Protein backbone atom coordinates (compact mmCIF):
# COMPACT_ATOMS: atom_id res chain seq x y z
CA MET A 1 -15.11 25.37 -73.18
CA ILE A 2 -12.32 25.47 -70.63
CA MET A 3 -11.65 28.68 -68.86
CA PHE A 4 -7.92 29.57 -68.24
CA HIS A 5 -6.40 31.98 -65.85
CA PRO A 6 -3.18 33.71 -67.26
CA GLY A 7 0.10 32.71 -65.63
CA LEU A 8 2.90 34.58 -63.95
CA PRO A 9 4.55 36.95 -66.44
CA SER A 10 8.22 36.83 -67.42
CA GLN A 11 9.28 39.91 -65.44
CA TYR A 12 7.98 38.39 -62.14
CA ILE A 13 9.70 35.16 -62.95
CA GLY A 14 12.91 37.05 -63.56
CA PHE A 15 12.62 38.72 -60.19
CA ILE A 16 12.16 35.40 -58.43
CA ILE A 17 15.14 33.95 -60.23
CA PHE A 18 17.32 37.01 -59.27
CA ALA A 19 16.18 36.85 -55.67
CA ALA A 20 16.78 33.07 -55.41
CA VAL A 21 20.25 33.39 -56.86
CA LEU A 22 21.16 35.92 -54.11
CA LEU A 23 19.62 33.94 -51.45
CA VAL A 24 21.58 30.88 -52.52
CA ILE A 25 24.84 32.82 -52.63
CA HIS A 26 24.11 34.11 -49.23
CA ALA A 27 23.32 30.62 -47.78
CA LEU A 28 26.78 29.36 -49.20
CA ALA A 29 28.83 32.33 -48.20
CA ALA A 30 27.18 32.92 -44.84
CA SER A 31 28.82 31.57 -41.67
CA GLN A 32 28.92 27.87 -41.11
CA ARG A 33 27.20 28.36 -37.58
CA PRO A 34 23.90 30.18 -38.60
CA ASN A 35 22.36 32.44 -35.85
CA ALA A 36 19.79 30.38 -34.08
CA SER A 37 18.53 33.22 -31.68
CA THR A 38 14.82 33.53 -31.35
CA PHE A 39 12.48 36.36 -30.45
CA LYS A 40 9.58 35.85 -28.13
CA TYR A 41 7.23 38.53 -26.43
CA ALA A 42 4.12 37.84 -24.34
CA PHE A 43 1.15 39.77 -25.46
CA SER A 44 0.02 39.65 -21.76
CA ARG A 45 2.74 42.23 -21.03
CA LEU A 46 0.83 44.79 -23.01
CA ILE A 47 -2.11 44.58 -20.64
CA THR A 48 -1.59 46.06 -17.29
CA SER A 49 -5.09 45.79 -15.93
CA ALA A 50 -5.72 42.57 -13.85
CA HIS A 51 -9.52 42.92 -14.53
CA ILE A 52 -8.81 42.93 -18.28
CA LYS A 53 -6.55 39.85 -18.03
CA SER A 54 -9.22 38.07 -16.02
CA MET A 55 -11.92 38.87 -18.60
CA ILE A 56 -9.69 37.61 -21.45
CA SER A 57 -8.73 34.36 -19.71
CA LYS A 58 -11.96 33.43 -18.30
CA ARG A 59 -14.68 34.69 -20.69
CA PRO A 60 -13.59 33.93 -24.33
CA LEU A 61 -16.79 35.54 -25.73
CA LEU A 62 -15.26 36.15 -29.29
CA ASN A 63 -14.27 32.33 -29.41
CA LEU A 64 -17.69 31.31 -28.44
CA PHE A 65 -19.28 33.59 -30.93
CA LEU A 66 -17.08 32.27 -33.75
CA LYS A 67 -17.70 28.65 -32.74
CA TRP A 68 -21.54 29.08 -33.13
CA LEU A 69 -21.14 31.33 -36.34
CA PHE A 70 -18.99 28.78 -38.09
CA ALA A 71 -21.29 25.89 -36.88
CA LEU A 72 -24.32 27.62 -38.33
CA ILE A 73 -22.39 28.13 -41.73
CA PHE A 74 -21.33 24.50 -41.58
CA LEU A 75 -25.07 23.41 -41.23
CA LEU A 76 -26.03 25.88 -44.03
CA ILE A 77 -23.42 24.33 -46.27
CA ILE A 78 -24.88 20.83 -45.78
CA TRP A 79 -28.46 22.18 -46.37
CA SER A 80 -27.56 23.91 -49.54
CA GLY A 81 -25.39 21.06 -50.77
CA LEU A 82 -28.06 18.56 -50.44
CA TRP A 83 -31.13 20.53 -51.55
CA GLY A 84 -29.65 23.34 -53.62
CA THR A 85 -28.70 23.75 -57.24
CA PRO A 86 -26.06 21.30 -58.68
CA VAL A 87 -24.38 24.28 -60.41
CA PRO A 88 -21.16 24.53 -58.35
CA GLU A 89 -20.46 28.35 -58.90
CA LYS A 90 -24.08 29.17 -57.74
CA ASN A 91 -24.31 26.84 -54.75
CA LEU A 92 -23.12 28.11 -51.42
CA ALA A 93 -21.67 24.67 -50.35
CA THR A 94 -18.95 24.57 -53.10
CA THR A 95 -18.28 28.33 -53.43
CA ILE A 96 -17.70 28.65 -49.64
CA THR A 97 -15.88 25.35 -49.11
CA TRP A 98 -13.45 25.29 -52.07
CA ASN A 99 -13.04 28.98 -53.05
CA LEU A 100 -13.39 30.84 -49.76
CA TRP A 101 -12.68 28.63 -46.71
CA TRP A 102 -9.80 26.50 -47.89
CA THR A 103 -7.79 29.57 -48.84
CA LEU A 104 -8.76 31.82 -45.98
CA ILE A 105 -7.84 29.26 -43.30
CA ILE A 106 -4.35 28.90 -44.74
CA ILE A 107 -3.98 32.70 -44.69
CA THR A 108 -4.96 32.84 -41.12
CA VAL A 109 -2.02 30.68 -40.20
CA LEU A 110 0.17 33.77 -40.81
CA PHE A 111 -1.69 35.54 -38.08
CA SER A 112 -3.11 33.10 -35.71
CA GLY A 113 -1.43 29.62 -36.19
CA SER A 114 -3.99 26.86 -35.66
CA PHE A 115 -6.72 29.11 -34.35
CA TRP A 116 -9.21 27.74 -36.94
CA CYS A 117 -8.99 24.25 -34.94
CA SER A 118 -10.41 26.20 -31.86
CA VAL A 119 -13.51 27.18 -33.75
CA CYS A 120 -13.83 24.26 -36.14
CA PRO A 121 -17.49 23.34 -36.66
CA TRP A 122 -16.83 19.60 -36.73
CA ASP A 123 -15.45 19.72 -33.26
CA THR A 124 -17.98 22.22 -31.98
CA LEU A 125 -20.91 20.13 -32.92
CA ALA A 126 -19.33 16.79 -32.03
CA THR A 127 -18.48 18.18 -28.48
CA LEU A 128 -22.15 19.31 -28.16
CA LEU A 129 -23.39 15.94 -29.14
CA VAL A 130 -21.16 13.87 -27.02
CA LYS A 131 -20.35 16.21 -23.98
CA HIS A 132 -23.46 18.39 -24.10
CA ARG A 133 -21.13 21.44 -23.75
CA PHE A 134 -18.39 23.07 -25.71
CA TYR A 135 -16.85 25.46 -23.08
CA ARG A 136 -17.08 24.22 -19.47
CA ARG A 137 -15.94 20.73 -18.50
CA SER A 138 -18.78 18.24 -18.96
CA LYS A 139 -20.23 15.91 -16.31
CA THR A 140 -22.76 14.20 -18.37
CA ALA A 141 -20.61 13.05 -21.39
CA PHE A 142 -21.41 10.05 -23.36
CA SER A 143 -17.71 9.23 -24.18
CA LEU A 144 -16.38 5.83 -23.17
CA GLN A 145 -12.92 7.42 -22.61
CA MET A 146 -11.02 4.53 -24.10
CA ASN A 147 -7.36 4.53 -24.61
CA PRO A 148 -6.87 4.81 -28.58
CA PRO A 149 -5.16 1.87 -30.41
CA LYS A 150 -1.53 2.33 -31.49
CA TRP A 151 -2.46 3.20 -34.96
CA PHE A 152 -4.37 6.29 -33.87
CA LYS A 153 -1.36 7.53 -31.82
CA SER A 154 0.39 8.46 -34.95
CA ILE A 155 -0.62 10.62 -37.83
CA TRP A 156 -0.68 7.73 -40.41
CA PRO A 157 -4.49 8.08 -40.49
CA ALA A 158 -4.19 11.79 -41.46
CA CYS A 159 -1.73 10.94 -44.15
CA PHE A 160 -4.08 8.44 -45.68
CA LEU A 161 -7.02 10.73 -45.43
CA LEU A 162 -5.05 13.68 -47.03
CA THR A 163 -4.37 11.40 -49.95
CA PHE A 164 -7.89 10.12 -50.17
CA PHE A 165 -9.43 13.52 -50.02
CA THR A 166 -7.22 14.71 -52.85
CA TRP A 167 -8.41 11.73 -54.77
CA LEU A 168 -11.96 12.77 -54.04
CA GLU A 169 -11.55 16.37 -54.89
CA LEU A 170 -9.43 16.04 -58.11
CA GLY A 171 -10.20 12.46 -59.34
CA TYR A 172 -13.84 12.07 -58.29
CA GLY A 173 -14.98 15.69 -59.00
CA LEU A 174 -15.87 16.55 -55.39
CA ALA A 175 -15.15 20.35 -55.83
CA ASN A 176 -17.77 20.58 -58.63
CA SER A 177 -20.52 18.72 -56.87
CA PRO A 178 -22.55 20.53 -54.03
CA SER A 179 -24.19 17.21 -52.94
CA LYS A 180 -20.96 15.43 -52.62
CA THR A 181 -19.30 18.32 -50.91
CA ALA A 182 -22.19 18.15 -48.39
CA LEU A 183 -21.85 14.52 -47.90
CA LEU A 184 -18.15 14.89 -47.22
CA ALA A 185 -18.82 17.57 -44.52
CA MET A 186 -21.36 15.14 -42.79
CA ALA A 187 -18.75 12.34 -42.96
CA MET A 188 -16.18 14.51 -41.23
CA LEU A 189 -18.67 15.41 -38.44
CA ILE A 190 -19.61 11.84 -37.95
CA MET A 191 -15.98 10.84 -37.70
CA ALA A 192 -15.40 13.61 -35.25
CA THR A 193 -18.32 12.46 -33.09
CA LEU A 194 -17.40 8.94 -33.04
CA PHE A 195 -13.82 9.31 -32.12
CA LEU A 196 -14.86 11.78 -29.36
CA ALA A 197 -17.50 9.17 -28.00
CA PHE A 198 -15.06 6.28 -27.97
CA TYR A 199 -11.61 7.73 -27.06
CA GLU A 200 -10.27 9.97 -24.33
CA GLY A 201 -9.08 13.47 -25.47
CA LYS A 202 -9.50 14.57 -29.11
CA VAL A 203 -7.90 11.87 -31.12
CA PHE A 204 -9.66 12.84 -34.22
CA CYS A 205 -8.20 16.34 -33.99
CA ARG A 206 -4.69 15.14 -33.20
CA THR A 207 -3.96 12.21 -35.59
CA VAL A 208 -6.84 11.74 -37.98
CA CYS A 209 -8.14 15.02 -39.32
CA PRO A 210 -6.07 15.97 -42.41
CA VAL A 211 -7.19 19.67 -42.15
CA GLY A 212 -6.04 19.92 -38.54
CA ARG A 213 -2.66 18.24 -39.28
CA THR A 214 -2.15 20.48 -42.22
CA LEU A 215 -2.89 23.62 -40.11
CA GLY A 216 -0.69 21.95 -37.37
CA VAL A 217 2.37 21.65 -39.32
CA TYR A 218 1.87 25.10 -41.12
CA SER A 219 1.46 26.73 -37.67
CA GLN A 220 5.17 25.99 -37.17
CA LEU A 221 5.65 29.05 -39.33
CA ALA A 222 3.17 31.05 -37.32
CA PRO A 223 4.45 34.28 -35.49
CA VAL A 224 2.16 33.54 -32.60
CA ALA A 225 2.03 30.62 -30.30
CA LEU A 226 0.55 29.68 -26.75
CA ARG A 227 3.64 29.50 -24.42
CA PRO A 228 4.52 29.89 -20.77
CA ILE A 229 5.20 33.52 -19.65
CA ASN A 230 7.72 32.31 -17.00
CA THR A 231 9.29 29.04 -17.72
CA GLN A 232 10.55 28.68 -14.22
CA ILE A 233 6.85 28.83 -12.67
CA CYS A 234 6.10 25.85 -15.12
CA ALA A 235 9.07 23.96 -13.99
CA ASN A 236 7.99 24.24 -10.30
CA CYS A 237 4.32 23.40 -11.18
CA GLU A 238 3.09 20.23 -9.36
CA GLY A 239 -0.69 20.27 -10.37
CA LEU A 240 -0.22 20.45 -14.08
CA GLU A 241 -3.62 21.84 -14.61
CA CYS A 242 -2.72 22.61 -18.12
CA TYR A 243 -2.63 18.81 -18.67
CA HIS A 244 -5.21 17.46 -16.29
CA GLY A 245 -7.67 20.44 -16.31
CA THR A 246 -9.74 21.53 -13.47
CA PRO A 247 -13.20 20.82 -12.26
CA THR A 248 -14.73 23.34 -14.53
CA ILE A 249 -12.18 23.44 -17.53
CA GLU A 250 -11.33 20.68 -19.78
CA PRO A 251 -7.77 19.28 -19.83
CA CYS A 252 -5.62 19.79 -22.97
CA PRO A 253 -7.47 17.98 -25.77
CA THR A 254 -4.32 16.69 -27.34
CA LYS A 255 -2.42 15.92 -24.11
CA LEU A 256 0.27 18.68 -24.14
CA VAL A 257 2.11 19.83 -21.05
CA MET A 258 2.69 23.62 -21.47
CA GLY A 259 5.94 23.65 -19.61
CA LYS A 260 7.47 21.25 -22.23
CA LEU A 261 5.81 22.71 -25.32
CA VAL A 262 8.06 23.81 -27.99
CA GLU A 263 6.07 22.85 -31.21
CA ASN A 264 2.76 24.28 -32.39
CA THR A 265 2.09 21.02 -34.33
CA TYR A 266 -0.55 19.46 -32.00
CA CYS A 267 -1.80 22.54 -30.25
CA LEU A 268 -5.45 23.39 -31.19
CA SER A 269 -5.31 26.99 -29.76
CA CYS A 270 -8.22 26.20 -27.62
CA SER A 271 -6.83 28.25 -24.78
CA ASP A 272 -7.99 25.73 -22.19
CA CYS A 273 -4.53 25.86 -20.64
CA VAL A 274 -4.73 29.73 -20.47
CA ARG A 275 -7.90 29.52 -18.39
CA SER A 276 -6.91 26.55 -16.26
CA CYS A 277 -3.45 27.86 -15.09
CA PRO A 278 -3.71 28.93 -11.47
CA SER A 279 -0.58 31.09 -11.89
CA HIS A 280 -1.89 32.85 -15.02
CA ASN A 281 1.46 31.87 -16.56
CA VAL A 282 0.12 30.76 -20.13
CA GLY A 283 -0.52 33.23 -22.85
CA TRP A 284 -0.09 34.15 -26.57
CA HIS A 285 3.41 35.17 -27.51
CA LEU A 286 4.73 36.96 -30.62
CA ARG A 287 7.84 35.20 -31.88
CA SER A 288 10.24 34.97 -34.82
CA LEU A 289 8.84 33.20 -37.78
CA SER A 290 11.35 30.52 -38.26
CA SER A 291 12.42 29.68 -34.75
CA GLU A 292 10.26 26.52 -34.28
CA LEU A 293 10.83 25.21 -37.87
CA VAL A 294 14.68 25.90 -37.93
CA GLN A 295 15.54 24.89 -34.27
CA PHE A 296 13.03 23.28 -32.05
CA ALA A 297 10.77 20.88 -33.99
CA ARG A 298 11.76 17.23 -33.87
CA PRO A 299 9.70 14.99 -36.08
CA ARG A 300 9.00 11.32 -35.87
CA PHE A 301 8.93 9.33 -39.02
CA ASP A 302 5.08 9.61 -39.54
CA GLU A 303 5.40 13.35 -39.05
CA SER A 304 8.21 13.67 -41.54
CA PHE A 305 6.32 11.48 -44.00
CA PHE A 306 3.30 13.90 -43.69
CA LEU A 307 5.56 17.01 -44.38
CA VAL A 308 6.86 15.46 -47.67
CA LEU A 309 3.37 14.05 -48.54
CA LEU A 310 1.82 17.50 -47.99
CA PHE A 311 4.51 19.04 -50.21
CA ALA A 312 3.78 16.38 -53.01
CA ILE A 313 -0.11 16.85 -52.86
CA THR A 314 0.14 20.52 -52.88
CA LEU A 315 2.37 20.31 -56.08
CA PHE A 316 -0.07 18.04 -57.44
CA HIS A 317 -3.08 20.20 -56.98
CA GLY A 318 -1.25 22.82 -59.22
CA PHE A 319 -0.02 20.41 -61.74
CA SER A 320 -3.60 18.83 -62.20
CA MET A 321 -4.78 22.23 -63.41
CA LEU A 322 -2.45 22.61 -66.16
CA ASP A 323 -3.00 21.90 -69.82
CA ILE A 324 -0.20 19.45 -69.85
CA TRP A 325 -1.89 17.32 -67.23
CA GLN A 326 -4.96 16.99 -69.44
CA LYS A 327 -2.73 15.50 -72.11
CA ILE A 328 -0.95 13.06 -69.89
CA LYS A 329 -4.28 11.96 -68.39
CA LEU A 330 -5.86 11.39 -71.78
CA ASP A 331 -2.73 9.39 -72.85
CA THR A 332 -2.91 7.22 -69.83
CA ILE A 333 -6.71 6.65 -70.21
CA SER A 334 -5.90 5.59 -73.93
CA LEU A 335 -3.06 3.37 -72.77
CA LEU A 336 -5.14 1.50 -70.27
CA GLY A 337 -8.24 1.42 -72.37
CA GLU A 338 -10.30 2.78 -69.48
CA LEU A 339 -14.04 3.77 -70.02
CA GLY A 340 -16.30 6.07 -68.19
CA ARG A 341 -14.73 8.00 -65.33
CA PRO A 342 -11.09 7.49 -65.38
CA ILE A 343 -10.62 6.41 -61.70
CA ILE A 344 -7.91 3.86 -62.31
CA SER A 345 -5.86 6.18 -64.60
CA PHE A 346 -6.14 9.13 -62.07
CA SER A 347 -5.30 7.01 -59.07
CA LEU A 348 -2.17 5.61 -60.88
CA LEU A 349 -1.05 9.12 -61.87
CA LEU A 350 -1.52 10.36 -58.41
CA LEU A 351 0.49 7.69 -56.76
CA VAL A 352 3.15 8.01 -59.44
CA PHE A 353 3.44 11.85 -58.71
CA ILE A 354 3.66 11.41 -55.00
CA GLY A 355 6.20 8.59 -55.44
CA LEU A 356 8.38 10.75 -57.78
CA VAL A 357 8.39 13.63 -55.10
CA PHE A 358 9.49 11.20 -52.36
CA LEU A 359 11.99 9.60 -54.61
CA THR A 360 13.50 12.90 -55.60
CA TYR A 361 13.76 14.07 -51.99
CA ALA A 362 15.41 10.66 -50.80
CA ILE A 363 17.93 11.04 -53.63
CA PHE A 364 18.98 14.37 -52.67
CA VAL A 365 19.29 13.40 -48.97
CA VAL A 366 21.62 10.59 -50.13
CA LEU A 367 23.58 13.00 -52.11
CA SER A 368 24.04 15.27 -49.22
CA LEU A 369 25.46 12.43 -46.91
CA ALA A 370 27.58 11.20 -49.75
CA PHE A 371 28.94 14.63 -50.54
CA CYS A 372 30.54 14.80 -47.14
CA GLY A 373 31.25 11.08 -46.66
CA LYS A 374 28.82 10.36 -43.98
CA TYR A 375 26.40 8.08 -45.64
CA ASP A 376 25.30 5.25 -43.44
CA ARG A 377 21.68 3.88 -42.43
CA LYS A 378 21.59 5.81 -39.12
CA ASN A 379 22.50 9.31 -40.76
CA PHE A 380 20.33 8.64 -43.64
CA ARG A 381 17.24 8.10 -41.31
CA GLN A 382 18.09 11.25 -39.23
CA SER A 383 18.63 13.43 -42.31
CA LEU A 384 15.52 12.14 -43.93
CA LEU A 385 13.53 13.29 -40.92
CA ASP A 386 15.17 16.57 -40.33
CA PHE A 387 15.61 17.86 -43.75
CA SER A 388 11.81 17.38 -44.48
CA PHE A 389 11.30 20.70 -42.66
CA ALA A 390 12.64 22.39 -45.73
CA CYS A 391 9.68 21.13 -47.66
CA LEU A 392 7.24 22.87 -45.33
CA PRO A 393 7.82 26.61 -46.10
CA LEU A 394 7.82 25.71 -49.94
CA SER A 395 4.73 23.72 -49.58
CA PHE A 396 2.95 26.64 -47.66
CA ALA A 397 4.12 29.21 -50.09
CA TYR A 398 3.03 27.41 -53.27
CA HIS A 399 -0.24 26.39 -51.48
CA LEU A 400 -0.97 29.97 -50.66
CA ALA A 401 0.12 31.38 -53.99
CA HIS A 402 -1.91 28.82 -55.98
CA ASN A 403 -5.08 29.26 -53.93
CA LEU A 404 -4.87 33.01 -54.15
CA SER A 405 -5.57 32.43 -57.89
CA HIS A 406 -8.62 30.51 -57.12
CA LEU A 407 -9.85 33.05 -54.45
CA THR A 408 -9.49 36.05 -56.73
CA LYS A 409 -10.41 34.63 -60.06
CA GLU A 410 -13.16 32.34 -59.18
CA SER A 411 -14.83 34.84 -56.82
CA THR A 412 -18.54 35.42 -57.02
CA SER A 413 -21.08 37.78 -55.51
CA TRP A 414 -21.26 36.66 -51.72
CA VAL A 415 -24.31 38.87 -51.39
CA ASP A 416 -26.12 36.80 -53.98
CA ILE A 417 -24.77 33.57 -52.69
CA PHE A 418 -25.92 34.14 -49.05
CA SER A 419 -29.37 35.67 -50.17
CA ASN A 420 -29.93 32.59 -52.35
CA PRO A 421 -27.76 29.71 -50.96
CA LEU A 422 -29.76 27.06 -52.75
CA GLY A 423 -29.19 28.79 -56.07
CA VAL A 424 -32.88 28.57 -56.94
CA ASN A 425 -33.50 29.60 -60.55
CA GLU A 426 -29.77 29.99 -61.22
CA TYR A 427 -27.90 28.69 -64.19
CA SER A 428 -24.15 28.07 -65.09
CA LEU A 429 -22.15 31.15 -65.91
CA THR A 430 -21.65 31.81 -69.62
CA MET A 431 -18.14 32.52 -71.00
CA MET A 432 -19.06 36.26 -71.02
CA GLU A 433 -19.89 36.18 -67.41
CA LYS A 434 -16.80 34.28 -66.53
CA HIS A 435 -14.62 36.92 -68.33
CA LEU A 436 -16.57 39.54 -66.49
CA ARG A 437 -15.86 37.79 -63.23
CA PHE A 438 -12.07 37.93 -63.96
CA ARG A 439 -12.40 41.62 -64.35
CA GLU A 440 -14.34 41.97 -61.21
CA ALA A 441 -11.86 40.02 -59.02
CA TRP A 442 -10.91 41.18 -55.53
CA PHE A 443 -7.74 42.67 -56.89
CA SER A 444 -5.86 43.16 -60.09
CA ASN A 445 -3.54 40.62 -61.82
CA GLU A 446 -0.55 42.87 -60.98
CA VAL A 447 -1.33 42.65 -57.22
CA LEU A 448 -1.91 38.94 -57.38
CA PHE A 449 1.29 38.35 -59.19
CA THR A 450 3.25 40.55 -56.71
CA LEU A 451 1.77 38.69 -53.77
CA GLN A 452 2.73 35.38 -55.34
CA THR A 453 6.28 36.46 -56.15
CA ALA A 454 6.89 37.81 -52.56
CA ILE A 455 5.32 34.52 -51.03
CA LEU A 456 7.42 32.25 -53.09
CA ILE A 457 10.68 34.18 -52.30
CA PHE A 458 9.94 34.21 -48.49
CA GLY A 459 9.12 30.42 -48.53
CA PHE A 460 12.36 29.78 -50.46
CA TYR A 461 14.28 31.85 -47.89
CA LEU A 462 12.87 29.87 -44.95
CA ALA A 463 13.76 26.53 -46.79
CA LEU A 464 17.25 27.70 -47.09
CA LYS A 465 17.48 28.67 -43.53
CA VAL A 466 16.10 25.25 -42.49
CA ILE A 467 18.92 23.60 -44.60
CA ARG A 468 21.67 25.87 -43.16
CA TYR A 469 20.81 25.30 -39.43
CA ARG A 470 19.80 21.58 -39.59
CA GLY A 471 22.62 20.79 -42.14
CA GLN A 472 25.15 22.23 -39.70
CA ARG A 473 23.82 20.07 -36.86
CA LEU A 474 23.54 16.84 -38.97
CA LEU A 475 26.58 17.27 -41.22
CA ASN A 476 28.86 19.46 -39.45
CA THR A 477 31.24 19.92 -42.20
CA SER A 478 31.92 22.59 -44.84
CA ARG A 479 29.33 24.77 -46.20
CA TRP A 480 29.48 23.02 -49.49
CA SER A 481 28.12 19.80 -47.98
CA LYS A 482 24.59 21.43 -47.90
CA LEU A 483 24.83 22.11 -51.54
CA PRO A 484 22.73 18.95 -52.70
CA MET A 485 19.82 19.97 -50.54
CA ILE A 486 20.13 23.61 -51.63
CA ALA A 487 19.81 22.32 -55.16
CA PHE A 488 16.64 20.19 -54.00
CA VAL A 489 14.75 23.26 -52.80
CA SER A 490 15.93 25.25 -55.72
CA PHE A 491 14.48 22.63 -58.15
CA ALA A 492 11.38 22.50 -56.12
CA LEU A 493 11.05 26.47 -56.38
CA ALA A 494 11.70 26.30 -60.18
CA PHE A 495 8.85 23.74 -60.52
CA CYS A 496 6.54 25.93 -58.50
CA VAL A 497 7.35 29.06 -60.63
CA TRP A 498 6.94 26.89 -63.73
CA MET A 499 3.49 25.87 -62.76
CA LEU A 500 2.41 29.30 -61.84
CA ALA A 501 3.79 30.58 -65.29
CA GLN A 502 1.31 28.24 -67.03
CA SER A 503 -2.24 29.15 -67.73
CA MET A 504 -4.32 27.46 -64.90
CA ILE A 505 -7.66 25.90 -65.75
CA MET A 506 -10.36 27.26 -63.59
CA ARG A 507 -12.50 24.79 -61.44
CA MET A 508 -15.88 26.83 -61.66
């Protein structure tokens, strides 16, 4: 019997619609030249003691502790996945990976940007295997330090892996298989190790890892970022220690120059630049949530493609857990006459869904240009790149709202899981136990629905802000010229709300 989680009630839907209408009216009625002012404050200004500053910059004990903690949990996941019970809700590998980790690292973006990348167990263990160290600069590394080929200088590999992992999770049943989850974890570690052993820097983290790239683009929404404290000091810097490193500190793993950094996308939050700067001019800053997304970020074609792809796949995750998806899938299987595991049917439907999202986005971009009489090939390409940022806050909002349902309604006793990670003598939950799990969730349905409502409204607000600012720069005409793109994000919000209003099939 399939277990469903109730959808968003009508009163919450009504509030989202009311708030969305007000936001659209404000976006159309507001000034044609939106305020692009930004707020930025260095945390280091709160610390007056030079001794404490030195301890923070040179001895990141918390970071080292978290690196080892997550590396040990990662190894525990592999152990329990390979040798533990095949019951997913009783095995540590599946419960941590799919219910806890994937939701919590998205939440951490709101507080720490891409901080997860700095404590990622794949990178920690790969660095230990290749460089024999994970803090100070290594002198006995096994890396060949080759220049990566052109293909690995773009994020097309991450686009492919993001799609492939979605296929594995939803089409091949990865989320419900502890052993397959463990094998995927091992595969990621092997890839991270091989890339580190062959190429200079951390090519895997910068352009290949789909988790890192997802967190990278989401961190454009983060209220914190590593930035210069005094830009003039960076402008006069000749040593570029942040880029080249020092005899004891590694260079920037993704080859960023702090004085020119305006995007969080490729920053791994490793803080090597903080420790290597001889002027102590790099630190964490508190900033406005939308400054980078709205004003500073400038995507290449592959980066823009990833933004829309991430939006499409995020929507697909939600759609594939609705009852209507089951009917569409069964009809497709019957039409193709497929027997056994419906790999072809699922693959076809996944590609069609992604293609429809891209096509819808492109159509609304064309309408925006046609609306103001500026349609040509050059403007179309630039608008396609810039307006893709409007997908990001909606993608993040729905991603978080959807995963909160999994986190709260598929929760389990973590004491029991960690005390018996292999799930010895454990059996699948009965329907009574699953209903009881709903009642013992982390918080009530009312709190969950309130959080989902607030998250979606905030994501829609940021999407409108992107359209206002970037639309003004691209189209530079009347406020009504932005109406097609406003209609696009409104349609996207309506689809997200509709999915959250449906009863969602639980995975475990």
